[in-house]
Amino acid sequence: MLIVFLGDSLTEGWPGAAYFPLLDRRLSQHGLLNRGRAGDTVADLLSRMRYQGLEPVDCAFIWVGANDAVMGAWDASEAGSGWTWPERLMRLAGDYEELLEWTEARTPRIVVVRPLVLESEGSVWEERATEVAEAIARIAAGRSSCRVLDLQPAFAAAAEEGDGPFTTDGVHFTDAGAEVVAGAFAAVIAELEAE
């Protein structure tokens, strides 16, 4: 299979540890394309991919939204920011719909990865990331091409095994975090192969 990974710094693999090389080594029988860029929001990724283009692929993983959550947590409620958090979330949902439509024209299967903020229990970042993840999952649930992947259970299982810490800052991965992601993605790809 030819599989593209669309996303932000977590896909690009900088800063922090990268899951992509781990996954590439595990799945050498497949062609894997990394289209991640640090700092991308949903709107940034959509704009960049429209500009760069993408040849047809067998599957796409889309993992973006953490930057939207973190930036919204920083400034959405401050006077003069221009947008309230509900307005930002609504705009993000519209952009994500467009991103899925753009991607569906290039692949029959999309794995939508819920954004998450780890190891920041009770923080506004975690709260906003959950809201973004829920919005994205609702959009994806209405599309037959999409399946939603929640990485929280994989991280919870790894934590029970005594692994971790998984991030350097709640978002970017340590080696242990990158291993969890690579393992979860490899499992989904194996399921897709079996279909």
N, C-alpha and C. Protein backbone atom coordinates (compact mmCIF):
# COMPACT_ATOMS: atom_id res chain seq x y z
N MET A 1 0.84 -1.19 0.00
CA MET A 1 0.00 0.00 0.00
C MET A 1 0.88 1.25 0.00
N LEU A 2 0.36 2.29 -0.61
CA LEU A 2 0.98 3.61 -0.54
C LEU A 2 0.15 4.43 0.44
N ILE A 3 0.80 4.87 1.51
CA ILE A 3 0.10 5.54 2.62
C ILE A 3 0.75 6.89 2.87
N VAL A 4 -0.08 7.93 2.94
CA VAL A 4 0.43 9.26 3.24
C VAL A 4 0.01 9.66 4.65
N PHE A 5 0.89 10.39 5.32
CA PHE A 5 0.64 10.88 6.67
C PHE A 5 0.64 12.40 6.61
N LEU A 6 -0.53 12.98 6.82
CA LEU A 6 -0.71 14.43 6.75
C LEU A 6 -0.81 14.96 8.18
N GLY A 7 -0.05 16.00 8.50
CA GLY A 7 -0.13 16.49 9.86
C GLY A 7 0.81 17.63 10.16
N ASP A 8 1.10 17.77 11.45
CA ASP A 8 1.91 18.87 11.97
C ASP A 8 3.25 18.33 12.46
N SER A 9 3.80 18.91 13.53
CA SER A 9 5.12 18.51 14.03
C SER A 9 5.16 17.05 14.48
N LEU A 10 4.04 16.51 14.94
CA LEU A 10 4.03 15.12 15.39
C LEU A 10 4.28 14.18 14.23
N THR A 11 3.80 14.55 13.05
CA THR A 11 4.05 13.76 11.85
C THR A 11 5.44 14.06 11.30
N GLU A 12 5.79 15.34 11.25
CA GLU A 12 7.13 15.69 10.76
C GLU A 12 8.21 15.05 11.64
N GLY A 13 7.94 14.99 12.94
CA GLY A 13 8.90 14.39 13.85
C GLY A 13 9.86 15.37 14.48
N TRP A 14 9.46 16.64 14.53
CA TRP A 14 10.31 17.65 15.15
C TRP A 14 9.44 18.71 15.77
N PRO A 15 9.69 19.16 16.96
CA PRO A 15 10.72 18.69 17.89
C PRO A 15 10.31 17.40 18.58
N GLY A 16 11.24 16.80 19.25
CA GLY A 16 10.96 15.57 19.97
C GLY A 16 11.29 14.35 19.14
N ALA A 17 10.87 13.20 19.62
CA ALA A 17 11.12 11.93 18.95
C ALA A 17 10.07 11.72 17.85
N ALA A 18 10.48 11.04 16.80
CA ALA A 18 9.62 10.85 15.63
C ALA A 18 9.09 9.42 15.56
N TYR A 19 7.78 9.28 15.31
CA TYR A 19 7.20 7.96 15.12
C TYR A 19 7.41 7.46 13.70
N PHE A 20 7.53 8.37 12.73
CA PHE A 20 7.53 7.98 11.33
C PHE A 20 8.66 7.01 10.96
N PRO A 21 9.92 7.28 11.35
CA PRO A 21 10.98 6.31 11.01
C PRO A 21 10.75 4.94 11.64
N LEU A 22 10.19 4.91 12.85
CA LEU A 22 9.88 3.64 13.50
C LEU A 22 8.85 2.86 12.69
N LEU A 23 7.83 3.57 12.25
CA LEU A 23 6.77 2.95 11.45
C LEU A 23 7.30 2.50 10.10
N ASP A 24 8.13 3.32 9.49
CA ASP A 24 8.70 3.00 8.18
C ASP A 24 9.54 1.72 8.25
N ARG A 25 10.28 1.55 9.34
CA ARG A 25 11.08 0.32 9.50
C ARG A 25 10.18 -0.90 9.70
N ARG A 26 9.10 -0.74 10.45
CA ARG A 26 8.18 -1.86 10.69
C ARG A 26 7.42 -2.28 9.44
N LEU A 27 7.17 -1.31 8.57
CA LEU A 27 6.30 -1.56 7.42
C LEU A 27 7.04 -1.33 6.10
N SER A 28 8.22 -1.91 5.99
CA SER A 28 9.05 -1.67 4.81
C SER A 28 8.41 -2.18 3.52
N GLN A 29 7.40 -3.04 3.64
CA GLN A 29 6.71 -3.55 2.45
C GLN A 29 5.76 -2.52 1.85
N HIS A 30 5.50 -1.43 2.58
CA HIS A 30 4.61 -0.38 2.12
C HIS A 30 5.40 0.87 1.77
N GLY A 31 4.80 1.71 0.94
CA GLY A 31 5.37 3.02 0.68
C GLY A 31 4.73 4.03 1.61
N LEU A 32 5.52 4.67 2.45
CA LEU A 32 5.00 5.65 3.41
C LEU A 32 5.52 7.04 3.03
N LEU A 33 4.61 8.01 2.97
CA LEU A 33 4.95 9.39 2.63
C LEU A 33 4.67 10.28 3.82
N ASN A 34 5.66 11.05 4.25
CA ASN A 34 5.51 11.95 5.39
C ASN A 34 5.26 13.36 4.87
N ARG A 35 4.06 13.89 5.15
CA ARG A 35 3.70 15.25 4.76
C ARG A 35 3.34 16.08 6.00
N GLY A 36 4.18 15.95 7.02
CA GLY A 36 3.98 16.72 8.24
C GLY A 36 4.83 17.98 8.23
N ARG A 37 4.32 19.02 8.86
CA ARG A 37 5.10 20.25 9.03
C ARG A 37 4.80 20.86 10.39
N ALA A 38 5.87 21.13 11.12
CA ALA A 38 5.73 21.71 12.46
C ALA A 38 4.96 23.02 12.40
N GLY A 39 4.07 23.18 13.37
CA GLY A 39 3.31 24.42 13.49
C GLY A 39 2.00 24.47 12.74
N ASP A 40 1.73 23.47 11.88
CA ASP A 40 0.51 23.52 11.09
C ASP A 40 -0.74 23.41 11.95
N THR A 41 -1.71 24.26 11.65
CA THR A 41 -3.07 24.13 12.14
C THR A 41 -3.86 23.39 11.07
N VAL A 42 -5.13 23.15 11.31
CA VAL A 42 -5.97 22.51 10.29
C VAL A 42 -5.98 23.37 9.02
N ALA A 43 -6.18 24.68 9.17
CA ALA A 43 -6.22 25.58 8.01
C ALA A 43 -4.88 25.60 7.28
N ASP A 44 -3.78 25.59 8.03
CA ASP A 44 -2.45 25.57 7.41
C ASP A 44 -2.24 24.30 6.59
N LEU A 45 -2.60 23.16 7.16
CA LEU A 45 -2.42 21.89 6.46
C LEU A 45 -3.26 21.86 5.19
N LEU A 46 -4.50 22.31 5.27
CA LEU A 46 -5.36 22.35 4.09
C LEU A 46 -4.75 23.23 3.01
N SER A 47 -4.31 24.41 3.37
CA SER A 47 -3.71 25.34 2.41
C SER A 47 -2.44 24.75 1.80
N ARG A 48 -1.60 24.19 2.63
CA ARG A 48 -0.34 23.62 2.14
C ARG A 48 -0.57 22.45 1.19
N MET A 49 -1.50 21.57 1.53
CA MET A 49 -1.75 20.42 0.67
C MET A 49 -2.40 20.83 -0.64
N ARG A 50 -3.27 21.81 -0.61
CA ARG A 50 -3.84 22.32 -1.86
C ARG A 50 -2.73 22.85 -2.77
N TYR A 51 -1.76 23.51 -2.17
CA TYR A 51 -0.65 24.07 -2.94
C TYR A 51 0.30 22.98 -3.43
N GLN A 52 0.68 22.05 -2.55
CA GLN A 52 1.64 21.01 -2.90
C GLN A 52 1.03 19.92 -3.77
N GLY A 53 -0.24 19.63 -3.55
CA GLY A 53 -0.89 18.54 -4.26
C GLY A 53 -0.50 17.19 -3.71
N LEU A 54 -1.18 16.17 -4.18
CA LEU A 54 -0.91 14.80 -3.76
C LEU A 54 -1.43 13.86 -4.82
N GLU A 55 -0.57 12.96 -5.26
CA GLU A 55 -1.00 11.92 -6.19
C GLU A 55 -1.89 10.93 -5.44
N PRO A 56 -2.71 10.16 -6.14
CA PRO A 56 -3.58 9.18 -5.46
C PRO A 56 -2.77 8.20 -4.61
N VAL A 57 -3.31 7.87 -3.45
CA VAL A 57 -2.69 6.92 -2.52
C VAL A 57 -3.76 5.93 -2.07
N ASP A 58 -3.32 4.85 -1.43
CA ASP A 58 -4.26 3.84 -0.95
C ASP A 58 -4.93 4.22 0.37
N CYS A 59 -4.22 5.02 1.16
CA CYS A 59 -4.74 5.39 2.48
C CYS A 59 -4.06 6.67 2.93
N ALA A 60 -4.76 7.47 3.72
CA ALA A 60 -4.19 8.67 4.32
C ALA A 60 -4.49 8.68 5.81
N PHE A 61 -3.49 9.00 6.59
CA PHE A 61 -3.65 9.28 8.01
C PHE A 61 -3.63 10.79 8.15
N ILE A 62 -4.63 11.36 8.81
CA ILE A 62 -4.66 12.80 9.06
C ILE A 62 -4.60 13.00 10.57
N TRP A 63 -3.54 13.69 11.00
CA TRP A 63 -3.36 13.95 12.43
C TRP A 63 -2.96 15.41 12.61
N VAL A 64 -3.96 16.23 12.87
CA VAL A 64 -3.75 17.66 13.03
C VAL A 64 -4.82 18.19 13.98
N GLY A 65 -4.53 19.30 14.63
CA GLY A 65 -5.52 19.90 15.53
C GLY A 65 -4.94 20.30 16.88
N ALA A 66 -3.80 19.71 17.26
CA ALA A 66 -3.20 20.07 18.55
C ALA A 66 -2.79 21.54 18.58
N ASN A 67 -2.23 22.03 17.47
CA ASN A 67 -1.82 23.44 17.44
C ASN A 67 -3.04 24.36 17.55
N ASP A 68 -4.14 23.97 16.92
CA ASP A 68 -5.37 24.76 17.03
C ASP A 68 -5.81 24.84 18.50
N ALA A 69 -5.72 23.71 19.20
CA ALA A 69 -6.14 23.67 20.60
C ALA A 69 -5.21 24.49 21.48
N VAL A 70 -3.91 24.35 21.27
CA VAL A 70 -2.94 25.05 22.11
C VAL A 70 -3.00 26.55 21.86
N MET A 71 -3.07 26.95 20.59
CA MET A 71 -3.15 28.39 20.29
C MET A 71 -4.45 28.96 20.82
N GLY A 72 -5.53 28.22 20.70
CA GLY A 72 -6.80 28.69 21.23
C GLY A 72 -6.75 28.82 22.74
N ALA A 73 -6.04 27.92 23.40
CA ALA A 73 -5.93 28.00 24.85
C ALA A 73 -5.11 29.23 25.27
N TRP A 74 -4.16 29.63 24.43
CA TRP A 74 -3.36 30.80 24.76
C TRP A 74 -4.12 32.10 24.64
N ASP A 75 -4.89 32.24 23.54
CA ASP A 75 -5.39 33.60 23.27
C ASP A 75 -6.88 33.73 23.00
N ALA A 76 -7.61 32.65 22.93
CA ALA A 76 -9.00 32.74 22.47
C ALA A 76 -9.89 33.54 23.41
N SER A 77 -9.56 33.59 24.67
CA SER A 77 -10.44 34.30 25.59
C SER A 77 -9.93 35.71 25.92
N GLU A 78 -8.80 36.08 25.35
CA GLU A 78 -8.23 37.38 25.66
C GLU A 78 -8.83 38.46 24.78
N ALA A 79 -9.05 39.63 25.36
CA ALA A 79 -9.58 40.77 24.60
C ALA A 79 -8.66 41.08 23.44
N GLY A 80 -9.26 41.32 22.27
CA GLY A 80 -8.47 41.69 21.10
C GLY A 80 -7.95 40.52 20.29
N SER A 81 -8.23 39.28 20.70
CA SER A 81 -7.72 38.13 19.95
C SER A 81 -8.44 37.97 18.62
N GLY A 82 -9.62 38.54 18.49
CA GLY A 82 -10.34 38.49 17.22
C GLY A 82 -11.39 37.39 17.15
N TRP A 83 -11.20 36.30 17.83
CA TRP A 83 -12.13 35.18 17.77
C TRP A 83 -12.32 34.60 19.16
N THR A 84 -13.54 34.26 19.49
CA THR A 84 -13.78 33.52 20.72
C THR A 84 -13.44 32.06 20.45
N TRP A 85 -13.30 31.27 21.51
CA TRP A 85 -13.02 29.85 21.31
C TRP A 85 -14.13 29.15 20.53
N PRO A 86 -15.41 29.37 20.82
CA PRO A 86 -16.45 28.72 20.00
C PRO A 86 -16.36 29.12 18.53
N GLU A 87 -16.00 30.36 18.24
CA GLU A 87 -15.84 30.78 16.84
C GLU A 87 -14.65 30.08 16.20
N ARG A 88 -13.55 29.96 16.93
CA ARG A 88 -12.38 29.24 16.40
C ARG A 88 -12.74 27.78 16.12
N LEU A 89 -13.45 27.17 17.04
CA LEU A 89 -13.82 25.77 16.88
C LEU A 89 -14.73 25.58 15.67
N MET A 90 -15.65 26.51 15.44
CA MET A 90 -16.53 26.43 14.28
C MET A 90 -15.74 26.57 12.98
N ARG A 91 -14.80 27.51 12.95
CA ARG A 91 -13.96 27.69 11.76
C ARG A 91 -13.11 26.45 11.52
N LEU A 92 -12.55 25.90 12.59
CA LEU A 92 -11.75 24.69 12.48
C LEU A 92 -12.58 23.55 11.88
N ALA A 93 -13.80 23.39 12.35
CA ALA A 93 -14.67 22.33 11.83
C ALA A 93 -14.91 22.50 10.34
N GLY A 94 -15.15 23.72 9.89
CA GLY A 94 -15.34 23.97 8.46
C GLY A 94 -14.09 23.64 7.67
N ASP A 95 -12.93 24.04 8.19
CA ASP A 95 -11.66 23.73 7.51
C ASP A 95 -11.41 22.23 7.47
N TYR A 96 -11.77 21.53 8.56
CA TYR A 96 -11.55 20.08 8.60
C TYR A 96 -12.44 19.37 7.59
N GLU A 97 -13.68 19.83 7.45
CA GLU A 97 -14.58 19.28 6.42
C GLU A 97 -13.93 19.41 5.04
N GLU A 98 -13.40 20.59 4.76
CA GLU A 98 -12.74 20.82 3.46
C GLU A 98 -11.51 19.93 3.30
N LEU A 99 -10.74 19.75 4.38
CA LEU A 99 -9.56 18.88 4.32
C LEU A 99 -9.96 17.44 4.00
N LEU A 100 -11.04 16.96 4.61
CA LEU A 100 -11.49 15.60 4.32
C LEU A 100 -11.97 15.48 2.88
N GLU A 101 -12.71 16.47 2.40
CA GLU A 101 -13.17 16.44 1.01
C GLU A 101 -11.98 16.41 0.06
N TRP A 102 -10.98 17.25 0.32
CA TRP A 102 -9.79 17.30 -0.52
C TRP A 102 -9.08 15.94 -0.51
N THR A 103 -8.97 15.34 0.66
CA THR A 103 -8.27 14.06 0.81
C THR A 103 -9.06 12.92 0.17
N GLU A 104 -10.38 12.94 0.31
CA GLU A 104 -11.21 11.89 -0.28
C GLU A 104 -11.08 11.82 -1.80
N ALA A 105 -10.75 12.93 -2.42
CA ALA A 105 -10.55 12.93 -3.87
C ALA A 105 -9.25 12.22 -4.26
N ARG A 106 -8.40 11.88 -3.27
CA ARG A 106 -7.10 11.29 -3.55
C ARG A 106 -6.90 9.91 -2.93
N THR A 107 -7.85 9.49 -2.11
CA THR A 107 -7.72 8.17 -1.48
C THR A 107 -9.09 7.63 -1.06
N PRO A 108 -9.28 6.32 -1.12
CA PRO A 108 -10.56 5.75 -0.68
C PRO A 108 -10.66 5.55 0.83
N ARG A 109 -9.50 5.59 1.55
CA ARG A 109 -9.51 5.31 2.98
C ARG A 109 -8.74 6.38 3.74
N ILE A 110 -9.37 6.88 4.80
CA ILE A 110 -8.75 7.91 5.64
C ILE A 110 -8.84 7.48 7.10
N VAL A 111 -7.72 7.57 7.78
CA VAL A 111 -7.68 7.34 9.22
C VAL A 111 -7.53 8.71 9.86
N VAL A 112 -8.54 9.12 10.58
CA VAL A 112 -8.55 10.41 11.28
C VAL A 112 -8.07 10.16 12.70
N VAL A 113 -6.94 10.75 13.04
CA VAL A 113 -6.35 10.57 14.36
C VAL A 113 -6.77 11.75 15.24
N ARG A 114 -7.39 11.42 16.35
CA ARG A 114 -7.84 12.47 17.28
C ARG A 114 -6.64 13.18 17.89
N PRO A 115 -6.60 14.52 17.82
CA PRO A 115 -5.52 15.23 18.50
C PRO A 115 -5.62 15.04 20.01
N LEU A 116 -4.48 15.08 20.69
CA LEU A 116 -4.49 14.91 22.12
C LEU A 116 -3.33 15.68 22.75
N VAL A 117 -3.53 16.02 24.01
CA VAL A 117 -2.49 16.59 24.84
C VAL A 117 -2.36 15.63 26.02
N LEU A 118 -1.17 15.09 26.21
CA LEU A 118 -0.93 14.09 27.25
C LEU A 118 -0.23 14.70 28.45
N GLU A 119 -0.32 14.02 29.56
CA GLU A 119 0.46 14.35 30.75
C GLU A 119 0.28 15.80 31.18
N SER A 120 -0.91 16.33 30.93
CA SER A 120 -1.25 17.70 31.33
C SER A 120 -2.64 17.71 31.94
N GLU A 121 -2.91 16.74 32.80
CA GLU A 121 -4.24 16.54 33.35
C GLU A 121 -4.82 17.82 33.94
N GLY A 122 -6.04 18.13 33.49
CA GLY A 122 -6.75 19.28 34.02
C GLY A 122 -6.35 20.61 33.43
N SER A 123 -5.42 20.63 32.48
CA SER A 123 -4.99 21.90 31.89
C SER A 123 -5.99 22.37 30.84
N VAL A 124 -5.98 23.67 30.57
CA VAL A 124 -6.84 24.21 29.52
C VAL A 124 -6.42 23.63 28.16
N TRP A 125 -5.13 23.32 27.99
CA TRP A 125 -4.67 22.71 26.73
C TRP A 125 -5.34 21.37 26.52
N GLU A 126 -5.37 20.56 27.58
CA GLU A 126 -5.99 19.25 27.48
C GLU A 126 -7.49 19.39 27.18
N GLU A 127 -8.14 20.32 27.85
CA GLU A 127 -9.57 20.55 27.64
C GLU A 127 -9.85 20.95 26.19
N ARG A 128 -9.07 21.89 25.67
CA ARG A 128 -9.29 22.35 24.30
C ARG A 128 -8.97 21.25 23.28
N ALA A 129 -7.92 20.48 23.53
CA ALA A 129 -7.59 19.37 22.63
C ALA A 129 -8.73 18.36 22.58
N THR A 130 -9.36 18.11 23.71
CA THR A 130 -10.50 17.20 23.75
C THR A 130 -11.66 17.75 22.93
N GLU A 131 -11.91 19.04 23.04
CA GLU A 131 -12.99 19.66 22.26
C GLU A 131 -12.69 19.58 20.76
N VAL A 132 -11.46 19.83 20.38
CA VAL A 132 -11.08 19.72 18.96
C VAL A 132 -11.23 18.28 18.50
N ALA A 133 -10.76 17.33 19.30
CA ALA A 133 -10.85 15.92 18.94
C ALA A 133 -12.30 15.48 18.77
N GLU A 134 -13.18 15.94 19.64
CA GLU A 134 -14.59 15.57 19.53
C GLU A 134 -15.22 16.15 18.27
N ALA A 135 -14.87 17.39 17.94
CA ALA A 135 -15.39 18.02 16.72
C ALA A 135 -14.92 17.25 15.48
N ILE A 136 -13.65 16.92 15.45
CA ILE A 136 -13.07 16.20 14.32
C ILE A 136 -13.70 14.80 14.20
N ALA A 137 -13.87 14.11 15.32
CA ALA A 137 -14.46 12.77 15.29
C ALA A 137 -15.89 12.81 14.78
N ARG A 138 -16.67 13.85 15.17
CA ARG A 138 -18.05 13.97 14.67
C ARG A 138 -18.07 14.16 13.16
N ILE A 139 -17.17 14.97 12.66
CA ILE A 139 -17.11 15.21 11.21
C ILE A 139 -16.75 13.92 10.47
N ALA A 140 -15.75 13.22 10.97
CA ALA A 140 -15.30 11.99 10.32
C ALA A 140 -16.35 10.88 10.39
N ALA A 141 -17.11 10.85 11.47
CA ALA A 141 -18.11 9.79 11.65
C ALA A 141 -19.17 9.81 10.56
N GLY A 142 -19.39 10.94 9.95
CA GLY A 142 -20.39 11.05 8.88
C GLY A 142 -19.89 10.67 7.51
N ARG A 143 -18.67 10.17 7.42
CA ARG A 143 -18.08 9.85 6.11
C ARG A 143 -17.68 8.38 6.05
N SER A 144 -18.12 7.70 5.01
CA SER A 144 -17.83 6.27 4.89
C SER A 144 -16.36 5.99 4.63
N SER A 145 -15.62 6.96 4.12
CA SER A 145 -14.20 6.77 3.83
C SER A 145 -13.34 6.82 5.09
N CYS A 146 -13.90 7.31 6.18
CA CYS A 146 -13.11 7.61 7.38
C CYS A 146 -13.31 6.61 8.51
N ARG A 147 -12.24 6.37 9.22
CA ARG A 147 -12.30 5.70 10.50
C ARG A 147 -11.52 6.58 11.48
N VAL A 148 -11.96 6.62 12.71
CA VAL A 148 -11.35 7.49 13.72
C VAL A 148 -10.46 6.64 14.63
N LEU A 149 -9.26 7.15 14.88
CA LEU A 149 -8.33 6.48 15.77
C LEU A 149 -8.09 7.37 16.99
N ASP A 150 -8.37 6.81 18.16
CA ASP A 150 -8.12 7.47 19.44
C ASP A 150 -6.89 6.81 20.05
N LEU A 151 -5.82 7.57 20.22
CA LEU A 151 -4.58 7.03 20.76
C LEU A 151 -4.57 6.94 22.29
N GLN A 152 -5.56 7.52 22.95
CA GLN A 152 -5.60 7.51 24.41
C GLN A 152 -5.51 6.09 24.99
N PRO A 153 -6.27 5.11 24.47
CA PRO A 153 -6.17 3.75 25.03
C PRO A 153 -4.77 3.14 24.89
N ALA A 154 -4.10 3.41 23.78
CA ALA A 154 -2.74 2.88 23.59
C ALA A 154 -1.78 3.48 24.61
N PHE A 155 -1.92 4.79 24.85
CA PHE A 155 -1.07 5.42 25.85
C PHE A 155 -1.41 4.94 27.26
N ALA A 156 -2.68 4.72 27.54
CA ALA A 156 -3.08 4.22 28.86
C ALA A 156 -2.50 2.83 29.09
N ALA A 157 -2.56 1.96 28.07
CA ALA A 157 -2.01 0.61 28.21
C ALA A 157 -0.50 0.66 28.42
N ALA A 158 0.19 1.54 27.69
CA ALA A 158 1.64 1.66 27.85
C ALA A 158 1.99 2.18 29.25
N ALA A 159 1.19 3.09 29.76
CA ALA A 159 1.42 3.62 31.11
C ALA A 159 1.26 2.53 32.15
N GLU A 160 0.27 1.64 31.96
CA GLU A 160 0.07 0.53 32.89
C GLU A 160 1.27 -0.41 32.90
N GLU A 161 1.96 -0.50 31.77
CA GLU A 161 3.16 -1.33 31.67
C GLU A 161 4.38 -0.65 32.29
N GLY A 162 4.19 0.60 32.71
CA GLY A 162 5.29 1.33 33.33
C GLY A 162 6.10 2.17 32.37
N ASP A 163 5.66 2.26 31.12
CA ASP A 163 6.37 3.09 30.14
C ASP A 163 6.09 4.57 30.42
N GLY A 164 6.87 5.43 29.81
CA GLY A 164 6.68 6.87 29.95
C GLY A 164 7.88 7.49 30.62
N PRO A 165 7.93 8.78 30.72
CA PRO A 165 6.93 9.71 30.21
C PRO A 165 6.88 9.67 28.68
N PHE A 166 5.74 10.10 28.14
CA PHE A 166 5.51 9.99 26.70
C PHE A 166 5.75 11.29 25.94
N THR A 167 5.77 12.40 26.65
CA THR A 167 5.98 13.68 25.97
C THR A 167 7.03 14.51 26.71
N THR A 168 7.56 15.47 25.98
CA THR A 168 8.49 16.43 26.57
C THR A 168 7.75 17.63 27.14
N ASP A 169 6.54 17.89 26.61
CA ASP A 169 5.81 19.11 26.96
C ASP A 169 4.30 18.96 26.93
N GLY A 170 3.81 17.73 26.90
CA GLY A 170 2.38 17.47 26.79
C GLY A 170 1.95 17.20 25.36
N VAL A 171 2.78 17.56 24.38
CA VAL A 171 2.43 17.39 22.97
C VAL A 171 3.50 16.58 22.23
N HIS A 172 4.75 17.01 22.29
CA HIS A 172 5.82 16.39 21.49
C HIS A 172 6.40 15.18 22.21
N PHE A 173 6.71 14.14 21.43
CA PHE A 173 6.99 12.83 22.01
C PHE A 173 8.42 12.61 22.46
N THR A 174 8.53 11.81 23.50
CA THR A 174 9.79 11.18 23.88
C THR A 174 9.90 9.91 23.01
N ASP A 175 11.00 9.18 23.17
CA ASP A 175 11.12 7.91 22.45
C ASP A 175 9.99 6.96 22.80
N ALA A 176 9.60 6.93 24.07
CA ALA A 176 8.51 6.04 24.51
C ALA A 176 7.20 6.43 23.85
N GLY A 177 6.91 7.71 23.74
CA GLY A 177 5.69 8.17 23.08
C GLY A 177 5.67 7.83 21.61
N ALA A 178 6.80 8.03 20.94
CA ALA A 178 6.89 7.71 19.51
C ALA A 178 6.65 6.22 19.28
N GLU A 179 7.15 5.37 20.18
CA GLU A 179 6.94 3.92 20.05
C GLU A 179 5.45 3.57 20.17
N VAL A 180 4.75 4.21 21.08
CA VAL A 180 3.32 3.95 21.24
C VAL A 180 2.57 4.30 19.96
N VAL A 181 2.86 5.46 19.39
CA VAL A 181 2.19 5.89 18.17
C VAL A 181 2.50 4.93 17.02
N ALA A 182 3.77 4.59 16.85
CA ALA A 182 4.15 3.68 15.76
C ALA A 182 3.43 2.35 15.89
N GLY A 183 3.34 1.83 17.11
CA GLY A 183 2.65 0.57 17.32
C GLY A 183 1.16 0.66 17.01
N ALA A 184 0.52 1.74 17.43
CA ALA A 184 -0.91 1.92 17.18
C ALA A 184 -1.18 2.07 15.68
N PHE A 185 -0.35 2.84 15.00
CA PHE A 185 -0.54 3.03 13.56
C PHE A 185 -0.30 1.73 12.81
N ALA A 186 0.72 0.97 13.20
CA ALA A 186 1.00 -0.30 12.54
C ALA A 186 -0.18 -1.26 12.70
N ALA A 187 -0.81 -1.26 13.86
CA ALA A 187 -1.96 -2.13 14.09
C ALA A 187 -3.12 -1.76 13.18
N VAL A 188 -3.37 -0.46 13.01
CA VAL A 188 -4.45 -0.02 12.12
C VAL A 188 -4.15 -0.40 10.68
N ILE A 189 -2.91 -0.23 10.27
CA ILE A 189 -2.55 -0.59 8.90
C ILE A 189 -2.71 -2.08 8.66
N ALA A 190 -2.37 -2.90 9.65
CA ALA A 190 -2.58 -4.35 9.53
C ALA A 190 -4.07 -4.66 9.37
N GLU A 191 -4.93 -3.95 10.10
CA GLU A 191 -6.38 -4.15 9.94
C GLU A 191 -6.84 -3.76 8.54
N LEU A 192 -6.31 -2.66 8.04
CA LEU A 192 -6.69 -2.22 6.69
C LEU A 192 -6.26 -3.23 5.63
N GLU A 193 -5.08 -3.81 5.82
CA GLU A 193 -4.61 -4.82 4.88
C GLU A 193 -5.52 -6.03 4.86
N ALA A 194 -6.07 -6.37 6.03
CA ALA A 194 -6.91 -7.57 6.15
C ALA A 194 -8.31 -7.37 5.58
N GLU A 195 -8.71 -6.13 5.35
CA GLU A 195 -10.07 -5.85 4.85
C GLU A 195 -10.24 -6.31 3.42
